[in-house]
Amino acid sequence: MFLKLIARVIVILSSNTNPVQIAAGLASGLFLALLPAGNLLWVLLFLILFVSKAHYGIALAALAVFKLVASLAAGPLDALGWAVLNASALRPAFTALYGMPIAPLTRFNNTLVMGGLLAGLVLWAPAFLTARAGVTVYRARLAPRIAGSKFVAALKKVPLVSALAKALGAAARIAGPAE
């Protein structure tokens, strides 16, 4: 399954999908990974992802990968959220927000949620720009080198890899070109 995921990501990177869509998917996956799930804020951001033009497959793959790493960042995210939620200048705004009918369902008053929200807002643009540049560089320089390498030629001779490549190629043809 992990091999299949890597193969699908390589197919997406090599396809004619717009690099902006791939970058938006990766950045959105990172954003969602930084937020703890199980609150209205996460659900709303997840729904926004699916009405946007971001690449869903990349977003879900990035969410899965970054969710594993995000647990290591729980301490700093908690500290960031605590600092913001305990800022005396923001206390009246948070008190008023908590008094609203639906706002508490976002769990904005949770230190991990607030820290993840702020970190996601700050990291979204750099992740987007880096991913967009990375896709462009991959397509222009790395993909042709990898495709023509001796390793790939030898790998294509392995029956399992050959069958997987044919299946992915067929799936890509059936799916058709992306916008």
C-alpha atoms as a PDB file:
ATOM      1  CA  MET A   1       0.000   0.000   0.000  1.00  0.00           C
ATOM      2  CA  PHE A   2       2.832   2.393   0.841  1.00  0.00           C
ATOM      3  CA  LEU A   3       4.485   1.604  -2.507  1.00  0.00           C
ATOM      4  CA  LYS A   4       1.203   2.277  -4.252  1.00  0.00           C
ATOM      5  CA  LEU A   5       0.924   5.670  -2.508  1.00  0.00           C
ATOM      6  CA  ILE A   6       4.430   6.642  -3.578  1.00  0.00           C
ATOM      7  CA  ALA A   7       3.681   5.528  -7.129  1.00  0.00           C
ATOM      8  CA  ARG A   8       0.483   7.599  -7.209  1.00  0.00           C
ATOM      9  CA  VAL A   9       2.329  10.699  -5.936  1.00  0.00           C
ATOM     10  CA  ILE A  10       4.968  10.263  -8.651  1.00  0.00           C
ATOM     11  CA  VAL A  11       2.227   9.910 -11.269  1.00  0.00           C
ATOM     12  CA  ILE A  12       0.571  13.096  -9.999  1.00  0.00           C
ATOM     13  CA  LEU A  13       3.876  14.991  -9.978  1.00  0.00           C
ATOM     14  CA  SER A  14       4.581  13.847 -13.528  1.00  0.00           C
ATOM     15  CA  SER A  15       1.063  14.452 -14.866  1.00  0.00           C
ATOM     16  CA  ASN A  16      -0.185  17.614 -16.473  1.00  0.00           C
ATOM     17  CA  THR A  17      -1.883  18.707 -13.256  1.00  0.00           C
ATOM     18  CA  ASN A  18      -1.269  22.373 -12.578  1.00  0.00           C
ATOM     19  CA  PRO A  19       1.595  22.824 -10.073  1.00  0.00           C
ATOM     20  CA  VAL A  20      -0.530  25.388  -8.225  1.00  0.00           C
ATOM     21  CA  GLN A  21      -3.176  22.735  -7.515  1.00  0.00           C
ATOM     22  CA  ILE A  22      -0.569  20.279  -6.261  1.00  0.00           C
ATOM     23  CA  ALA A  23       1.059  22.948  -4.076  1.00  0.00           C
ATOM     24  CA  ALA A  24      -2.298  24.027  -2.649  1.00  0.00           C
ATOM     25  CA  GLY A  25      -3.096  20.413  -1.813  1.00  0.00           C
ATOM     26  CA  LEU A  26       0.208  19.913  -0.018  1.00  0.00           C
ATOM     27  CA  ALA A  27      -0.075  23.174   1.937  1.00  0.00           C
ATOM     28  CA  SER A  28      -3.687  22.425   2.877  1.00  0.00           C
ATOM     29  CA  GLY A  29      -2.727  18.925   4.029  1.00  0.00           C
ATOM     30  CA  LEU A  30      -0.069  20.471   6.257  1.00  0.00           C
ATOM     31  CA  PHE A  31      -2.581  22.955   7.661  1.00  0.00           C
ATOM     32  CA  LEU A  32      -5.100  20.225   8.488  1.00  0.00           C
ATOM     33  CA  ALA A  33      -2.387  18.041  10.023  1.00  0.00           C
ATOM     34  CA  LEU A  34      -1.424  20.783  12.459  1.00  0.00           C
ATOM     35  CA  LEU A  35      -4.987  21.071  13.757  1.00  0.00           C
ATOM     36  CA  PRO A  36      -6.403  18.406  16.065  1.00  0.00           C
ATOM     37  CA  ALA A  37      -9.407  16.751  14.420  1.00  0.00           C
ATOM     38  CA  GLY A  38     -12.784  16.460  16.086  1.00  0.00           C
ATOM     39  CA  ASN A  39     -13.853  20.077  16.075  1.00  0.00           C
ATOM     40  CA  LEU A  40     -15.928  22.273  13.804  1.00  0.00           C
ATOM     41  CA  LEU A  41     -12.901  24.301  12.688  1.00  0.00           C
ATOM     42  CA  TRP A  42     -11.175  21.196  11.267  1.00  0.00           C
ATOM     43  CA  VAL A  43     -14.359  20.078   9.534  1.00  0.00           C
ATOM     44  CA  LEU A  44     -14.900  23.521   7.985  1.00  0.00           C
ATOM     45  CA  LEU A  45     -11.319  23.691   6.706  1.00  0.00           C
ATOM     46  CA  PHE A  46     -11.649  20.161   5.331  1.00  0.00           C
ATOM     47  CA  LEU A  47     -14.828  21.152   3.469  1.00  0.00           C
ATOM     48  CA  ILE A  48     -13.156  24.295   2.125  1.00  0.00           C
ATOM     49  CA  LEU A  49     -10.384  22.076   0.758  1.00  0.00           C
ATOM     50  CA  PHE A  50     -12.914  20.074  -1.239  1.00  0.00           C
ATOM     51  CA  VAL A  51     -14.604  23.100  -2.790  1.00  0.00           C
ATOM     52  CA  SER A  52     -11.244  24.554  -3.786  1.00  0.00           C
ATOM     53  CA  LYS A  53      -9.158  23.563  -6.794  1.00  0.00           C
ATOM     54  CA  ALA A  54      -6.483  21.984  -4.583  1.00  0.00           C
ATOM     55  CA  HIS A  55      -5.432  18.458  -5.531  1.00  0.00           C
ATOM     56  CA  TYR A  56      -7.339  16.190  -3.133  1.00  0.00           C
ATOM     57  CA  GLY A  57      -5.043  13.186  -3.444  1.00  0.00           C
ATOM     58  CA  ILE A  58      -1.960  15.212  -2.572  1.00  0.00           C
ATOM     59  CA  ALA A  59      -3.860  16.916   0.259  1.00  0.00           C
ATOM     60  CA  LEU A  60      -4.867  13.590   1.812  1.00  0.00           C
ATOM     61  CA  ALA A  61      -1.378  12.105   1.365  1.00  0.00           C
ATOM     62  CA  ALA A  62       0.192  15.228   2.911  1.00  0.00           C
ATOM     63  CA  LEU A  63      -2.340  15.114   5.747  1.00  0.00           C
ATOM     64  CA  ALA A  64      -1.390  11.511   6.509  1.00  0.00           C
ATOM     65  CA  VAL A  65       2.352  12.156   6.400  1.00  0.00           C
ATOM     66  CA  PHE A  66       2.296  15.466   8.272  1.00  0.00           C
ATOM     67  CA  LYS A  67      -0.094  14.104  10.928  1.00  0.00           C
ATOM     68  CA  LEU A  68       2.665  11.698  11.964  1.00  0.00           C
ATOM     69  CA  VAL A  69       5.145  14.566  12.238  1.00  0.00           C
ATOM     70  CA  ALA A  70       2.656  16.973  13.855  1.00  0.00           C
ATOM     71  CA  SER A  71       2.569  14.877  17.009  1.00  0.00           C
ATOM     72  CA  LEU A  72       6.225  15.804  17.516  1.00  0.00           C
ATOM     73  CA  ALA A  73       5.260  19.481  17.320  1.00  0.00           C
ATOM     74  CA  ALA A  74       2.515  19.209  19.960  1.00  0.00           C
ATOM     75  CA  GLY A  75       4.640  20.862  22.663  1.00  0.00           C
ATOM     76  CA  PRO A  76       5.503  24.015  20.690  1.00  0.00           C
ATOM     77  CA  LEU A  77       1.961  24.242  19.278  1.00  0.00           C
ATOM     78  CA  ASP A  78       0.533  23.982  22.788  1.00  0.00           C
ATOM     79  CA  ALA A  79       2.888  26.715  24.033  1.00  0.00           C
ATOM     80  CA  LEU A  80       1.977  28.983  21.116  1.00  0.00           C
ATOM     81  CA  GLY A  81      -1.736  28.448  21.702  1.00  0.00           C
ATOM     82  CA  TRP A  82      -1.368  29.076  25.432  1.00  0.00           C
ATOM     83  CA  ALA A  83       0.512  32.336  24.802  1.00  0.00           C
ATOM     84  CA  VAL A  84      -2.177  33.614  22.433  1.00  0.00           C
ATOM     85  CA  LEU A  85      -5.141  32.502  24.528  1.00  0.00           C
ATOM     86  CA  ASN A  86      -3.649  34.073  27.658  1.00  0.00           C
ATOM     87  CA  ALA A  87      -2.759  37.403  26.046  1.00  0.00           C
ATOM     88  CA  SER A  88      -4.587  39.996  28.112  1.00  0.00           C
ATOM     89  CA  ALA A  89      -5.276  42.186  25.071  1.00  0.00           C
ATOM     90  CA  LEU A  90      -7.162  39.354  23.346  1.00  0.00           C
ATOM     91  CA  ARG A  91      -9.097  38.114  26.383  1.00  0.00           C
ATOM     92  CA  PRO A  92     -12.229  40.272  25.758  1.00  0.00           C
ATOM     93  CA  ALA A  93     -12.415  39.091  22.142  1.00  0.00           C
ATOM     94  CA  PHE A  94     -12.080  35.432  23.139  1.00  0.00           C
ATOM     95  CA  THR A  95     -14.681  35.859  25.881  1.00  0.00           C
ATOM     96  CA  ALA A  96     -17.152  37.389  23.422  1.00  0.00           C
ATOM     97  CA  LEU A  97     -16.388  34.679  20.866  1.00  0.00           C
ATOM     98  CA  TYR A  98     -16.961  31.938  23.410  1.00  0.00           C
ATOM     99  CA  GLY A  99     -20.379  33.441  24.204  1.00  0.00           C
ATOM    100  CA  MET A 100     -21.532  33.002  20.606  1.00  0.00           C
ATOM    101  CA  PRO A 101     -23.702  29.976  19.818  1.00  0.00           C
ATOM    102  CA  ILE A 102     -21.491  28.014  17.385  1.00  0.00           C
ATOM    103  CA  ALA A 103     -17.988  29.376  18.063  1.00  0.00           C
ATOM    104  CA  PRO A 104     -17.267  27.030  21.014  1.00  0.00           C
ATOM    105  CA  LEU A 105     -17.740  24.061  18.672  1.00  0.00           C
ATOM    106  CA  THR A 106     -14.549  25.152  16.885  1.00  0.00           C
ATOM    107  CA  ARG A 107     -12.683  24.557  20.172  1.00  0.00           C
ATOM    108  CA  PHE A 108     -10.661  27.720  19.520  1.00  0.00           C
ATOM    109  CA  ASN A 109     -10.129  27.932  23.293  1.00  0.00           C
ATOM    110  CA  ASN A 110      -8.064  24.710  23.232  1.00  0.00           C
ATOM    111  CA  THR A 111      -4.339  25.530  23.263  1.00  0.00           C
ATOM    112  CA  LEU A 112      -3.496  22.857  20.668  1.00  0.00           C
ATOM    113  CA  VAL A 113      -6.247  24.035  18.329  1.00  0.00           C
ATOM    114  CA  MET A 114      -5.197  27.685  18.624  1.00  0.00           C
ATOM    115  CA  GLY A 115      -1.509  26.847  18.230  1.00  0.00           C
ATOM    116  CA  GLY A 116      -2.203  24.614  15.233  1.00  0.00           C
ATOM    117  CA  LEU A 117      -4.426  27.248  13.653  1.00  0.00           C
ATOM    118  CA  LEU A 118      -1.796  29.961  13.976  1.00  0.00           C
ATOM    119  CA  ALA A 119       1.045  27.700  12.832  1.00  0.00           C
ATOM    120  CA  GLY A 120      -1.051  26.544   9.870  1.00  0.00           C
ATOM    121  CA  LEU A 121      -1.861  30.115   8.877  1.00  0.00           C
ATOM    122  CA  VAL A 122       1.815  31.092   9.076  1.00  0.00           C
ATOM    123  CA  LEU A 123       3.153  27.975   7.319  1.00  0.00           C
ATOM    124  CA  TRP A 124       0.577  27.716   4.523  1.00  0.00           C
ATOM    125  CA  ALA A 125       2.135  30.301   2.178  1.00  0.00           C
ATOM    126  CA  PRO A 126       5.754  29.105   2.554  1.00  0.00           C
ATOM    127  CA  ALA A 127       4.648  25.469   2.106  1.00  0.00           C
ATOM    128  CA  PHE A 128       2.648  26.453  -0.993  1.00  0.00           C
ATOM    129  CA  LEU A 129       5.503  28.418  -2.571  1.00  0.00           C
ATOM    130  CA  THR A 130       8.054  25.716  -1.779  1.00  0.00           C
ATOM    131  CA  ALA A 131       5.843  22.943  -3.164  1.00  0.00           C
ATOM    132  CA  ARG A 132       5.069  24.907  -6.329  1.00  0.00           C
ATOM    133  CA  ALA A 133       8.765  25.511  -6.952  1.00  0.00           C
ATOM    134  CA  GLY A 134       9.538  21.885  -6.106  1.00  0.00           C
ATOM    135  CA  VAL A 135       7.010  20.526  -8.610  1.00  0.00           C
ATOM    136  CA  THR A 136       8.363  22.823 -11.315  1.00  0.00           C
ATOM    137  CA  VAL A 137      11.964  21.781 -10.643  1.00  0.00           C
ATOM    138  CA  TYR A 138      10.989  18.107 -10.455  1.00  0.00           C
ATOM    139  CA  ARG A 139       9.227  18.230 -13.813  1.00  0.00           C
ATOM    140  CA  ALA A 140      11.928  20.233 -15.557  1.00  0.00           C
ATOM    141  CA  ARG A 141      15.068  18.594 -14.207  1.00  0.00           C
ATOM    142  CA  LEU A 142      14.518  15.484 -12.110  1.00  0.00           C
ATOM    143  CA  ALA A 143      11.775  13.568 -13.926  1.00  0.00           C
ATOM    144  CA  PRO A 144      13.665  13.248 -17.233  1.00  0.00           C
ATOM    145  CA  ARG A 145      16.830  12.143 -15.416  1.00  0.00           C
ATOM    146  CA  ILE A 146      14.983   9.610 -13.289  1.00  0.00           C
ATOM    147  CA  ALA A 147      13.061   8.213 -16.259  1.00  0.00           C
ATOM    148  CA  GLY A 148      16.257   7.726 -18.244  1.00  0.00           C
ATOM    149  CA  SER A 149      18.342   6.274 -15.423  1.00  0.00           C
ATOM    150  CA  LYS A 150      19.763   2.749 -15.443  1.00  0.00           C
ATOM    151  CA  PHE A 151      18.040   2.056 -12.116  1.00  0.00           C
ATOM    152  CA  VAL A 152      14.587   2.738 -13.570  1.00  0.00           C
ATOM    153  CA  ALA A 153      15.386   0.650 -16.650  1.00  0.00           C
ATOM    154  CA  ALA A 154      16.411  -2.262 -14.403  1.00  0.00           C
ATOM    155  CA  LEU A 155      13.395  -1.712 -12.157  1.00  0.00           C
ATOM    156  CA  LYS A 156      11.025  -1.895 -15.129  1.00  0.00           C
ATOM    157  CA  LYS A 157      12.281  -5.407 -15.825  1.00  0.00           C
ATOM    158  CA  VAL A 158      10.962  -6.643 -12.449  1.00  0.00           C
ATOM    159  CA  PRO A 159       7.546  -8.233 -13.162  1.00  0.00           C
ATOM    160  CA  LEU A 160       5.763  -6.719 -10.124  1.00  0.00           C
ATOM    161  CA  VAL A 161       7.006  -3.218 -10.889  1.00  0.00           C
ATOM    162  CA  SER A 162       6.177  -3.615 -14.565  1.00  0.00           C
ATOM    163  CA  ALA A 163       2.625  -4.701 -13.724  1.00  0.00           C
ATOM    164  CA  LEU A 164       2.220  -1.804 -11.288  1.00  0.00           C
ATOM    165  CA  ALA A 165       3.498   0.679 -13.892  1.00  0.00           C
ATOM    166  CA  LYS A 166       1.061  -0.649 -16.488  1.00  0.00           C
ATOM    167  CA  ALA A 167      -1.829  -0.447 -14.018  1.00  0.00           C
ATOM    168  CA  LEU A 168      -0.968   3.117 -13.046  1.00  0.00           C
ATOM    169  CA  GLY A 169      -0.604   4.084 -16.704  1.00  0.00           C
ATOM    170  CA  ALA A 170      -4.006   2.601 -17.476  1.00  0.00           C
ATOM    171  CA  ALA A 171      -5.545   4.379 -14.510  1.00  0.00           C
ATOM    172  CA  ALA A 172      -4.027   7.678 -15.634  1.00  0.00           C
ATOM    173  CA  ARG A 173      -5.405   7.221 -19.163  1.00  0.00           C
ATOM    174  CA  ILE A 174      -8.878   6.359 -17.852  1.00  0.00           C
ATOM    175  CA  ALA A 175      -8.883   9.354 -15.513  1.00  0.00           C
ATOM    176  CA  GLY A 176      -7.923  11.637 -18.387  1.00  0.00           C
ATOM    177  CA  PRO A 177      -6.029  14.900 -18.216  1.00  0.00           C
ATOM    178  CA  ALA A 178      -6.454  17.041 -15.122  1.00  0.00           C
ATOM    179  CA  GLU A 179      -7.203  20.750 -15.223  1.00  0.00           C
END
